[in-house]
Amino acid sequence: MDDNKNDDNARALRIFLMTSDCHEKVTNVYENLVDKDFEPAKQDLMALISELHVIFDKIKYNDF
């Protein structure tokens, strides 16, 4: 039982870290767009897209 709880906690932490990073990038994109800093916004968008692809693949292959 404890092993399942530990596995669930580790899984929840992985999901939190991945989605937290995405939230941070979305916030950065918003702030950069408001400030008309388009180059950093583009870089954050590219990084966000990459992160979302990783999450999509994990869902696709049931790897969460």
N, C-alpha and C. Protein backbone atom coordinates (compact mmCIF):
# COMPACT_ATOMS: atom_id res chain seq x y z
N MET A 1 0.82 -1.20 0.00
CA MET A 1 0.00 0.00 0.00
C MET A 1 0.86 1.26 0.00
N ASP A 2 1.92 1.28 0.81
CA ASP A 2 2.79 2.45 0.87
C ASP A 2 3.50 2.67 -0.46
N ASP A 3 3.85 1.57 -1.15
CA ASP A 3 4.50 1.70 -2.45
C ASP A 3 3.58 2.38 -3.45
N ASN A 4 2.30 2.02 -3.44
CA ASN A 4 1.34 2.67 -4.34
C ASN A 4 1.20 4.14 -4.01
N LYS A 5 1.16 4.47 -2.73
CA LYS A 5 1.04 5.87 -2.33
C LYS A 5 2.29 6.64 -2.74
N ASN A 6 3.46 6.04 -2.56
CA ASN A 6 4.72 6.70 -2.98
C ASN A 6 4.75 6.89 -4.48
N ASP A 7 4.30 5.87 -5.23
CA ASP A 7 4.24 5.99 -6.69
C ASP A 7 3.28 7.11 -7.11
N ASP A 8 2.13 7.15 -6.45
CA ASP A 8 1.14 8.20 -6.76
C ASP A 8 1.69 9.59 -6.44
N ASN A 9 2.39 9.69 -5.31
CA ASN A 9 2.97 10.98 -4.94
C ASN A 9 4.05 11.41 -5.92
N ALA A 10 4.88 10.47 -6.33
CA ALA A 10 5.93 10.79 -7.30
C ALA A 10 5.32 11.20 -8.63
N ARG A 11 4.28 10.50 -9.04
CA ARG A 11 3.57 10.83 -10.29
C ARG A 11 2.96 12.23 -10.20
N ALA A 12 2.31 12.52 -9.09
CA ALA A 12 1.70 13.84 -8.90
C ALA A 12 2.76 14.94 -8.93
N LEU A 13 3.91 14.67 -8.34
CA LEU A 13 4.99 15.65 -8.34
C LEU A 13 5.49 15.89 -9.77
N ARG A 14 5.67 14.82 -10.56
CA ARG A 14 6.12 14.97 -11.95
C ARG A 14 5.11 15.82 -12.74
N ILE A 15 3.83 15.53 -12.57
CA ILE A 15 2.80 16.29 -13.28
C ILE A 15 2.82 17.75 -12.84
N PHE A 16 2.94 17.97 -11.54
CA PHE A 16 3.00 19.33 -11.02
C PHE A 16 4.17 20.11 -11.62
N LEU A 17 5.35 19.49 -11.62
CA LEU A 17 6.54 20.18 -12.13
C LEU A 17 6.41 20.51 -13.61
N MET A 18 5.88 19.58 -14.38
CA MET A 18 5.72 19.84 -15.82
C MET A 18 4.70 20.93 -16.08
N THR A 19 3.57 20.86 -15.41
CA THR A 19 2.53 21.87 -15.66
C THR A 19 2.90 23.21 -15.04
N SER A 20 3.62 23.19 -13.95
CA SER A 20 4.06 24.43 -13.33
C SER A 20 4.98 25.20 -14.28
N ASP A 21 5.86 24.48 -14.93
CA ASP A 21 6.77 25.10 -15.90
C ASP A 21 5.97 25.72 -17.05
N CYS A 22 4.94 25.03 -17.49
CA CYS A 22 4.09 25.57 -18.56
C CYS A 22 3.38 26.85 -18.11
N HIS A 23 2.86 26.83 -16.88
CA HIS A 23 2.18 28.02 -16.36
C HIS A 23 3.14 29.21 -16.31
N GLU A 24 4.37 28.94 -15.88
CA GLU A 24 5.37 30.01 -15.80
C GLU A 24 5.67 30.58 -17.19
N LYS A 25 5.77 29.71 -18.17
CA LYS A 25 6.05 30.17 -19.54
C LYS A 25 4.88 30.99 -20.09
N VAL A 26 3.65 30.56 -19.82
CA VAL A 26 2.48 31.32 -20.28
C VAL A 26 2.48 32.71 -19.64
N THR A 27 2.79 32.78 -18.37
CA THR A 27 2.87 34.07 -17.69
C THR A 27 3.93 34.96 -18.32
N ASN A 28 5.09 34.37 -18.62
CA ASN A 28 6.17 35.13 -19.26
C ASN A 28 5.74 35.64 -20.63
N VAL A 29 5.07 34.79 -21.39
CA VAL A 29 4.59 35.20 -22.73
C VAL A 29 3.65 36.39 -22.58
N TYR A 30 2.70 36.28 -21.66
CA TYR A 30 1.75 37.37 -21.44
C TYR A 30 2.48 38.67 -21.11
N GLU A 31 3.39 38.61 -20.14
CA GLU A 31 4.11 39.82 -19.72
C GLU A 31 4.94 40.40 -20.86
N ASN A 32 5.60 39.53 -21.62
CA ASN A 32 6.40 40.02 -22.74
C ASN A 32 5.55 40.63 -23.84
N LEU A 33 4.40 40.05 -24.10
CA LEU A 33 3.51 40.63 -25.12
C LEU A 33 2.98 41.99 -24.68
N VAL A 34 2.60 42.10 -23.40
CA VAL A 34 2.12 43.38 -22.88
C VAL A 34 3.21 44.44 -23.00
N ASP A 35 4.45 44.03 -22.72
CA ASP A 35 5.58 44.96 -22.79
C ASP A 35 6.14 45.13 -24.20
N LYS A 36 5.55 44.45 -25.17
CA LYS A 36 5.99 44.47 -26.56
C LYS A 36 7.43 43.98 -26.72
N ASP A 37 7.81 43.03 -25.87
CA ASP A 37 9.11 42.36 -25.98
C ASP A 37 8.88 41.05 -26.74
N PHE A 38 8.90 41.14 -28.05
CA PHE A 38 8.46 40.01 -28.87
C PHE A 38 9.49 38.88 -28.96
N GLU A 39 10.76 39.19 -28.94
CA GLU A 39 11.77 38.13 -29.04
C GLU A 39 11.71 37.18 -27.84
N PRO A 40 11.70 37.70 -26.61
CA PRO A 40 11.57 36.78 -25.48
C PRO A 40 10.24 36.03 -25.50
N ALA A 41 9.19 36.68 -25.98
CA ALA A 41 7.88 36.01 -26.09
C ALA A 41 7.97 34.85 -27.05
N LYS A 42 8.64 35.05 -28.18
CA LYS A 42 8.81 33.97 -29.16
C LYS A 42 9.59 32.81 -28.56
N GLN A 43 10.65 33.13 -27.84
CA GLN A 43 11.47 32.07 -27.22
C GLN A 43 10.66 31.28 -26.20
N ASP A 44 9.90 31.99 -25.38
CA ASP A 44 9.06 31.29 -24.40
C ASP A 44 7.97 30.47 -25.07
N LEU A 45 7.42 30.99 -26.16
CA LEU A 45 6.40 30.22 -26.89
C LEU A 45 6.98 28.94 -27.47
N MET A 46 8.17 29.03 -28.03
CA MET A 46 8.81 27.83 -28.58
C MET A 46 9.08 26.81 -27.48
N ALA A 47 9.55 27.28 -26.33
CA ALA A 47 9.81 26.38 -25.19
C ALA A 47 8.50 25.78 -24.69
N LEU A 48 7.44 26.59 -24.65
CA LEU A 48 6.13 26.10 -24.22
C LEU A 48 5.61 25.03 -25.16
N ILE A 49 5.73 25.27 -26.44
CA ILE A 49 5.30 24.29 -27.43
C ILE A 49 6.04 22.97 -27.24
N SER A 50 7.33 23.06 -27.00
CA SER A 50 8.13 21.84 -26.76
C SER A 50 7.64 21.11 -25.51
N GLU A 51 7.40 21.86 -24.45
CA GLU A 51 6.89 21.26 -23.21
C GLU A 51 5.55 20.58 -23.45
N LEU A 52 4.68 21.25 -24.20
CA LEU A 52 3.36 20.68 -24.47
C LEU A 52 3.46 19.42 -25.31
N HIS A 53 4.42 19.37 -26.23
CA HIS A 53 4.64 18.15 -27.02
C HIS A 53 5.06 17.00 -26.11
N VAL A 54 5.92 17.29 -25.15
CA VAL A 54 6.35 16.25 -24.21
C VAL A 54 5.16 15.74 -23.41
N ILE A 55 4.34 16.66 -22.91
CA ILE A 55 3.15 16.25 -22.15
C ILE A 55 2.21 15.45 -23.04
N PHE A 56 2.01 15.90 -24.27
CA PHE A 56 1.14 15.18 -25.20
C PHE A 56 1.64 13.75 -25.42
N ASP A 57 2.96 13.61 -25.64
CA ASP A 57 3.52 12.28 -25.85
C ASP A 57 3.35 11.40 -24.61
N LYS A 58 3.53 11.97 -23.44
CA LYS A 58 3.34 11.20 -22.21
C LYS A 58 1.90 10.72 -22.09
N ILE A 59 0.96 11.56 -22.47
CA ILE A 59 -0.45 11.15 -22.45
C ILE A 59 -0.69 10.08 -23.51
N LYS A 60 -0.16 10.32 -24.71
CA LYS A 60 -0.36 9.39 -25.81
C LYS A 60 0.15 7.99 -25.48
N TYR A 61 1.29 7.92 -24.81
CA TYR A 61 1.89 6.63 -24.48
C TYR A 61 1.61 6.19 -23.05
N ASN A 62 0.63 6.86 -22.41
CA ASN A 62 0.20 6.52 -21.06
C ASN A 62 1.41 6.43 -20.11
N ASP A 63 2.24 7.47 -20.17
CA ASP A 63 3.47 7.49 -19.42
C ASP A 63 3.43 8.48 -18.27
N PHE A 64 2.24 8.79 -17.80
CA PHE A 64 2.13 9.67 -16.64
C PHE A 64 1.94 8.78 -15.46
